[in-house]
C-alpha atoms as a PDB file:
ATOM      1  CA  UNK A   1     109.116 102.284  99.237  1.00  0.00           C
ATOM      2  CA  UNK A   2     111.713  99.521  98.986  1.00  0.00           C
ATOM      3  CA  UNK A   3     111.490  98.912 102.729  1.00  0.00           C
ATOM      4  CA  UNK A   4     107.704  98.511 102.536  1.00  0.00           C
ATOM      5  CA  UNK A   5     108.025  95.997  99.698  1.00  0.00           C
ATOM      6  CA  UNK A   6     110.661  94.056 101.641  1.00  0.00           C
ATOM      7  CA  UNK A   7     108.437  94.004 104.730  1.00  0.00           C
ATOM      8  CA  UNK A   8     105.459  92.939 102.616  1.00  0.00           C
ATOM      9  CA  UNK A   9     107.459  90.046 101.166  1.00  0.00           C
ATOM     10  CA  UNK A  10     108.597  89.051 104.666  1.00  0.00           C
ATOM     11  CA  UNK A  11     104.969  89.134 105.826  1.00  0.00           C
ATOM     12  CA  UNK A  12     103.988  86.954 102.871  1.00  0.00           C
ATOM     13  CA  UNK A  13     106.569  84.340 103.844  1.00  0.00           C
ATOM     14  CA  UNK A  14     105.696  84.530 107.546  1.00  0.00           C
ATOM     15  CA  UNK A  15     102.049  83.957 106.682  1.00  0.00           C
ATOM     16  CA  UNK A  16     103.076  81.155 104.344  1.00  0.00           C
ATOM     17  CA  UNK A  17     104.868  79.422 107.217  1.00  0.00           C
ATOM     18  CA  UNK A  18     101.809  79.755 109.440  1.00  0.00           C
ATOM     19  CA  UNK A  19      99.574  78.491 106.624  1.00  0.00           C
ATOM     20  CA  UNK A  20     101.769  75.394 106.371  1.00  0.00           C
ATOM     21  CA  UNK A  21     101.610  75.050 110.160  1.00  0.00           C
ATOM     22  CA  UNK A  22      97.794  75.305 109.981  1.00  0.00           C
ATOM     23  CA  UNK A  23      97.849  72.599 107.253  1.00  0.00           C
ATOM     24  CA  UNK A  24      96.425  74.776 104.476  1.00  0.00           C
ATOM     25  CA  UNK A  25      96.801  72.947 101.164  1.00  0.00           C
ATOM     26  CA  UNK A  26      96.848  73.609  97.427  1.00  0.00           C
ATOM     27  CA  UNK A  27      95.896  76.924  95.932  1.00  0.00           C
ATOM     28  CA  UNK A  28      94.594  78.048  99.309  1.00  0.00           C
ATOM     29  CA  UNK A  29      98.185  78.056 100.570  1.00  0.00           C
ATOM     30  CA  UNK A  30      99.315  80.871  98.275  1.00  0.00           C
ATOM     31  CA  UNK A  31      96.097  82.844  98.788  1.00  0.00           C
ATOM     32  CA  UNK A  32      96.427  82.532 102.568  1.00  0.00           C
ATOM     33  CA  UNK A  33     100.039  83.714 102.412  1.00  0.00           C
ATOM     34  CA  UNK A  34      99.062  86.607 100.146  1.00  0.00           C
ATOM     35  CA  UNK A  35      96.569  87.699 102.808  1.00  0.00           C
ATOM     36  CA  UNK A  36      99.518  88.377 105.120  1.00  0.00           C
ATOM     37  CA  UNK A  37     101.231  90.426 102.428  1.00  0.00           C
ATOM     38  CA  UNK A  38      98.077  92.445 101.780  1.00  0.00           C
ATOM     39  CA  UNK A  39      97.617  92.957 105.490  1.00  0.00           C
ATOM     40  CA  UNK A  40     101.107  94.322 106.022  1.00  0.00           C
ATOM     41  CA  UNK A  41     101.016  96.472 102.883  1.00  0.00           C
ATOM     42  CA  UNK A  42      97.812  98.186 104.011  1.00  0.00           C
ATOM     43  CA  UNK A  43      99.230  98.624 107.519  1.00  0.00           C
ATOM     44  CA  UNK A  44     102.506 100.108 106.283  1.00  0.00           C
ATOM     45  CA  UNK A  45     100.911 102.484 103.779  1.00  0.00           C
ATOM     46  CA  UNK A  46      98.124 103.691 106.083  1.00  0.00           C
ATOM     47  CA  UNK A  47     100.396 103.873 109.139  1.00  0.00           C
ATOM     48  CA  UNK A  48     102.521 106.549 107.527  1.00  0.00           C
ATOM     49  CA  UNK A  49      99.727 109.117 107.553  1.00  0.00           C
ATOM     50  CA  UNK A  50      97.090 107.998 110.038  1.00  0.00           C
ATOM     51  CA  UNK A  51      98.832 106.714 113.120  1.00  0.00           C
ATOM     52  CA  UNK A  52      99.194 103.330 114.732  1.00  0.00           C
ATOM     53  CA  UNK A  53      95.659 102.346 115.797  1.00  0.00           C
ATOM     54  CA  UNK A  54      93.846 103.451 112.614  1.00  0.00           C
ATOM     55  CA  UNK A  55      96.491 101.602 110.586  1.00  0.00           C
ATOM     56  CA  UNK A  56      95.834  98.384 112.518  1.00  0.00           C
ATOM     57  CA  UNK A  57      92.092  98.879 112.048  1.00  0.00           C
ATOM     58  CA  UNK A  58      92.369  99.466 108.290  1.00  0.00           C
ATOM     59  CA  UNK A  59      94.733  96.538 107.843  1.00  0.00           C
ATOM     60  CA  UNK A  60      92.288  94.251 109.661  1.00  0.00           C
ATOM     61  CA  UNK A  61      89.420  95.572 107.514  1.00  0.00           C
ATOM     62  CA  UNK A  62      91.379  95.004 104.296  1.00  0.00           C
ATOM     63  CA  UNK A  63      92.460  91.519 105.368  1.00  0.00           C
ATOM     64  CA  UNK A  64      88.906  90.554 106.290  1.00  0.00           C
ATOM     65  CA  UNK A  65      87.574  91.820 102.961  1.00  0.00           C
ATOM     66  CA  UNK A  66      90.304  89.813 101.232  1.00  0.00           C
ATOM     67  CA  UNK A  67      89.446  86.708 103.287  1.00  0.00           C
ATOM     68  CA  UNK A  68      85.705  87.005 102.645  1.00  0.00           C
ATOM     69  CA  UNK A  69      86.266  87.543  98.921  1.00  0.00           C
ATOM     70  CA  UNK A  70      88.533  84.533  98.503  1.00  0.00           C
ATOM     71  CA  UNK A  71      86.282  82.449 100.723  1.00  0.00           C
ATOM     72  CA  UNK A  72      83.499  82.993  98.185  1.00  0.00           C
ATOM     73  CA  UNK A  73      85.692  82.578  95.113  1.00  0.00           C
ATOM     74  CA  UNK A  74      87.512  79.442  96.269  1.00  0.00           C
ATOM     75  CA  UNK A  75      84.647  78.025  98.383  1.00  0.00           C
ATOM     76  CA  UNK A  76      86.753  77.819 101.505  1.00  0.00           C
ATOM     77  CA  UNK A  77      85.992  79.139 105.009  1.00  0.00           C
ATOM     78  CA  UNK A  78      87.139  82.741 105.424  1.00  0.00           C
ATOM     79  CA  UNK A  79      89.016  81.854 108.606  1.00  0.00           C
ATOM     80  CA  UNK A  80      91.603  79.996 106.483  1.00  0.00           C
ATOM     81  CA  UNK A  81      92.703  83.307 104.967  1.00  0.00           C
ATOM     82  CA  UNK A  82      91.942  85.496 107.963  1.00  0.00           C
ATOM     83  CA  UNK A  83      93.897  83.513 110.563  1.00  0.00           C
ATOM     84  CA  UNK A  84      97.039  83.483 108.450  1.00  0.00           C
ATOM     85  CA  UNK A  85      96.491  87.000 107.130  1.00  0.00           C
ATOM     86  CA  UNK A  86      96.518  88.802 110.460  1.00  0.00           C
ATOM     87  CA  UNK A  87      99.650  87.030 111.714  1.00  0.00           C
ATOM     88  CA  UNK A  88     101.931  89.970 110.749  1.00  0.00           C
ATOM     89  CA  UNK A  89      99.785  92.316 112.865  1.00  0.00           C
ATOM     90  CA  UNK A  90      99.694  90.286 116.070  1.00  0.00           C
ATOM     91  CA  UNK A  91     101.085  92.597 118.770  1.00  0.00           C
ATOM     92  CA  UNK A  92     103.651  90.158 120.137  1.00  0.00           C
ATOM     93  CA  UNK A  93     106.169  92.924 120.736  1.00  0.00           C
ATOM     94  CA  UNK A  94     103.695  94.827 122.896  1.00  0.00           C
ATOM     95  CA  UNK A  95     102.951  91.753 124.961  1.00  0.00           C
ATOM     96  CA  UNK A  96     106.683  91.138 125.368  1.00  0.00           C
ATOM     97  CA  UNK A  97     107.329  94.730 126.460  1.00  0.00           C
ATOM     98  CA  UNK A  98     104.460  94.554 128.958  1.00  0.00           C
ATOM     99  CA  UNK A  99     105.923  91.455 130.571  1.00  0.00           C
ATOM    100  CA  UNK A 100     109.458  92.879 130.467  1.00  0.00           C
ATOM    101  CA  UNK A 101     108.394  96.031 132.305  1.00  0.00           C
ATOM    102  CA  UNK A 102     106.498  93.924 134.856  1.00  0.00           C
ATOM    103  CA  UNK A 103     109.568  91.795 135.544  1.00  0.00           C
ATOM    104  CA  UNK A 104     111.833  94.838 135.785  1.00  0.00           C
ATOM    105  CA  UNK A 105     109.523  96.451 138.336  1.00  0.00           C
ATOM    106  CA  UNK A 106     108.328  99.349 136.181  1.00  0.00           C
ATOM    107  CA  UNK A 107     104.540  99.326 136.666  1.00  0.00           C
ATOM    108  CA  UNK A 108     103.876 102.644 134.878  1.00  0.00           C
ATOM    109  CA  UNK A 109     105.643 101.526 131.713  1.00  0.00           C
ATOM    110  CA  UNK A 110     104.015  98.086 131.961  1.00  0.00           C
ATOM    111  CA  UNK A 111     100.561  99.632 132.200  1.00  0.00           C
ATOM    112  CA  UNK A 112     101.266 101.938 129.270  1.00  0.00           C
ATOM    113  CA  UNK A 113     102.507  99.048 127.101  1.00  0.00           C
ATOM    114  CA  UNK A 114      99.535  96.915 128.170  1.00  0.00           C
ATOM    115  CA  UNK A 115      96.997  99.608 127.281  1.00  0.00           C
ATOM    116  CA  UNK A 116      98.663 100.140 123.906  1.00  0.00           C
ATOM    117  CA  UNK A 117      98.629  96.393 123.203  1.00  0.00           C
ATOM    118  CA  UNK A 118      94.972  96.099 124.181  1.00  0.00           C
ATOM    119  CA  UNK A 119      94.185  99.059 121.921  1.00  0.00           C
ATOM    120  CA  UNK A 120      95.902  97.354 118.992  1.00  0.00           C
ATOM    121  CA  UNK A 121      94.061  94.094 119.638  1.00  0.00           C
ATOM    122  CA  UNK A 122      90.780  95.989 119.951  1.00  0.00           C
ATOM    123  CA  UNK A 123      91.319  97.881 116.695  1.00  0.00           C
ATOM    124  CA  UNK A 124      92.046  94.613 114.910  1.00  0.00           C
ATOM    125  CA  UNK A 125      89.013  92.920 116.440  1.00  0.00           C
ATOM    126  CA  UNK A 126      86.738  95.816 115.498  1.00  0.00           C
ATOM    127  CA  UNK A 127      87.919  95.749 111.891  1.00  0.00           C
ATOM    128  CA  UNK A 128      87.334  92.008 111.627  1.00  0.00           C
ATOM    129  CA  UNK A 129      83.924  92.082 113.324  1.00  0.00           C
ATOM    130  CA  UNK A 130      82.595  95.014 111.309  1.00  0.00           C
ATOM    131  CA  UNK A 131      83.455  93.483 107.941  1.00  0.00           C
ATOM    132  CA  UNK A 132      82.406  89.953 108.910  1.00  0.00           C
ATOM    133  CA  UNK A 133      79.075  91.215 110.263  1.00  0.00           C
ATOM    134  CA  UNK A 134      78.452  93.268 107.143  1.00  0.00           C
ATOM    135  CA  UNK A 135      79.190  90.291 104.885  1.00  0.00           C
ATOM    136  CA  UNK A 136      76.969  88.041 106.990  1.00  0.00           C
ATOM    137  CA  UNK A 137      74.163  90.603 106.830  1.00  0.00           C
ATOM    138  CA  UNK A 138      74.473  90.845 103.049  1.00  0.00           C
ATOM    139  CA  UNK A 139      74.486  87.078 102.599  1.00  0.00           C
ATOM    140  CA  UNK A 140      71.463  86.790 104.910  1.00  0.00           C
ATOM    141  CA  UNK A 141      69.630  89.339 102.742  1.00  0.00           C
ATOM    142  CA  UNK A 142      70.486  87.315  99.630  1.00  0.00           C
ATOM    143  CA  UNK A 143      69.029  84.178 101.234  1.00  0.00           C
ATOM    144  CA  UNK A 144      65.844  86.034 102.123  1.00  0.00           C
ATOM    145  CA  UNK A 145      65.493  87.350  98.546  1.00  0.00           C
ATOM    146  CA  UNK A 146      66.078  83.893  97.123  1.00  0.00           C
ATOM    147  CA  UNK A 147      63.471  82.272  99.380  1.00  0.00           C
ATOM    148  CA  UNK A 148      60.696  84.697  98.637  1.00  0.00           C
ATOM    149  CA  UNK A 149      61.133  87.847 100.691  1.00  0.00           C
ATOM    150  CA  UNK A 150      60.208  86.770 104.210  1.00  0.00           C
ATOM    151  CA  UNK A 151      62.787  86.616 106.968  1.00  0.00           C
ATOM    152  CA  UNK A 152      60.689  83.808 108.443  1.00  0.00           C
ATOM    153  CA  UNK A 153      61.397  81.684 105.373  1.00  0.00           C
ATOM    154  CA  UNK A 154      64.691  80.637 106.886  1.00  0.00           C
ATOM    155  CA  UNK A 155      64.197  77.805 109.308  1.00  0.00           C
ATOM    156  CA  UNK A 156      66.771  77.328 112.017  1.00  0.00           C
ATOM    157  CA  UNK A 157      67.180  73.734 113.018  1.00  0.00           C
END
């Protein structure tokens, strides 16, 4: 448990550095950094029992829920929290191993590492898209209710 807390703190600070790099300011800075900590905590806890790809998926789902929640609370675009929050999950090691195996002339290992990396990226993308689409659908329904019940009440200009 101590290792997971240490890794979560490291993810918080890594996300904090990226938030500074992305010029996030004020109270959004701490919330954006906390997204990275939440992301890694969910990944580490769920990875112990579920496996690698489901852990990446669940961590992306949790981070997107966190980002959408704080986007509403702090009236900031969700991407501010999401972009910094998923930084700890980015499969940089997999990309590195793929290139290393390519350079060393090991095509089977390179293909295996590449497929694994693409799977991780796909699991993360699916988690983000599912939650973001669900939130968008809910907010669209709220707009329709507010404007009188017709989906045609929303004009797109």
